[in-house]
Protein backbone atom coordinates (compact mmCIF):
# COMPACT_ATOMS: atom_id res chain seq x y z
CA UNK A 1 -89.51 204.92 49.15
CA UNK A 2 -85.89 205.10 47.78
CA UNK A 3 -82.89 202.94 48.50
CA UNK A 4 -80.48 204.26 45.91
CA UNK A 5 -77.63 206.54 47.00
CA UNK A 6 -76.89 208.55 44.02
CA UNK A 7 -77.84 211.96 44.87
CA UNK A 8 -78.70 212.83 41.11
CA UNK A 9 -81.09 209.69 41.06
CA UNK A 10 -82.67 210.74 44.15
CA UNK A 11 -83.34 214.30 42.95
CA UNK A 12 -84.73 213.16 39.61
CA UNK A 13 -86.68 210.32 41.10
CA UNK A 14 -88.17 212.37 43.61
CA UNK A 15 -89.14 215.23 41.27
CA UNK A 16 -90.68 212.79 38.96
CA UNK A 17 -93.13 211.14 41.49
CA UNK A 18 -93.82 214.47 43.10
CA UNK A 19 -94.22 216.72 40.05
CA UNK A 20 -94.03 214.62 36.89
CA UNK A 21 -91.25 213.64 34.53
CA UNK A 22 -88.88 216.56 34.51
CA UNK A 23 -87.63 215.55 31.01
CA UNK A 24 -91.04 215.45 29.66
CA UNK A 25 -90.21 212.33 27.86
CA UNK A 26 -92.01 209.64 30.04
CA UNK A 27 -95.43 208.36 30.86
CA UNK A 28 -95.30 210.78 33.89
CA UNK A 29 -94.74 213.80 31.77
CA UNK A 30 -96.79 216.82 33.20
CA UNK A 31 -98.48 214.17 35.57
CA UNK A 32 -97.81 215.33 39.14
CA UNK A 33 -98.48 212.43 41.60
CA UNK A 34 -97.88 214.62 44.75
CA UNK A 35 -96.22 211.70 46.47
CA UNK A 36 -94.07 212.08 49.60
CA UNK A 37 -90.65 210.84 49.15
CA UNK A 38 -88.53 208.88 51.78
CA UNK A 39 -85.16 207.07 51.97
CA UNK A 40 -85.20 203.72 53.48
CA UNK A 41 -82.29 204.65 55.68
CA UNK A 42 -84.41 207.63 57.35
CA UNK A 43 -84.74 206.74 61.09
CA UNK A 44 -88.58 206.80 60.81
CA UNK A 45 -88.45 204.14 58.14
CA UNK A 46 -85.55 202.20 59.35
CA UNK A 47 -87.11 201.91 62.84
CA UNK A 48 -90.12 200.07 61.02
CA UNK A 49 -87.92 197.24 59.61
CA UNK A 50 -87.37 194.12 61.52
CA UNK A 51 -83.89 194.18 62.94
CA UNK A 52 -82.94 190.72 61.29
CA UNK A 53 -84.48 192.05 57.91
CA UNK A 54 -82.60 195.36 58.27
CA UNK A 55 -79.34 193.53 59.14
CA UNK A 56 -79.48 190.99 56.16
CA UNK A 57 -80.65 193.48 53.45
CA UNK A 58 -79.53 197.10 54.46
CA UNK A 59 -76.73 197.04 57.02
CA UNK A 60 -74.02 196.83 54.29
CA UNK A 61 -75.50 199.71 52.40
CA UNK A 62 -75.61 201.60 55.62
CA UNK A 63 -71.85 200.93 56.53
CA UNK A 64 -70.70 201.40 52.90
CA UNK A 65 -71.95 204.84 52.49
CA UNK A 66 -71.45 206.29 55.91
CA UNK A 67 -73.14 208.79 58.21
CA UNK A 68 -72.19 211.81 56.25
CA UNK A 69 -73.81 210.83 52.97
CA UNK A 70 -76.74 209.35 54.80
CA UNK A 71 -77.13 212.70 56.37
CA UNK A 72 -77.20 214.49 53.16
CA UNK A 73 -79.76 212.16 51.66
CA UNK A 74 -82.04 212.43 54.81
CA UNK A 75 -81.63 216.26 54.20
CA UNK A 76 -82.47 215.88 50.65
CA UNK A 77 -85.72 213.87 51.37
CA UNK A 78 -86.72 216.34 53.99
CA UNK A 79 -86.28 219.22 51.55
CA UNK A 80 -88.59 217.59 49.16
CA UNK A 81 -91.32 216.92 51.57
CA UNK A 82 -91.19 220.38 52.59
CA UNK A 83 -91.59 221.77 49.00
CA UNK A 84 -95.18 222.44 47.91
CA UNK A 85 -95.89 220.78 44.57
CA UNK A 86 -97.22 223.33 42.17
CA UNK A 87 -97.99 221.35 39.11
């Protein structure tokens, strides 16, 4: 579950927990965990968070990054979930 908004961090982090450390420098080098990745602003995740908690903790993030970037992040996460992990 990610909450970061930087696309590069999302990509590297997602690949790491799915396929293992892509830099081969960390403890997950070559260790594919095959985890599915999600972003906290995806509707299926967002809808599970109590409204008062969402408003207090995530509403400003959502407003700050905007619908276009949220759409890109959601598409990225869906793309990762659609990939078959080969390692």
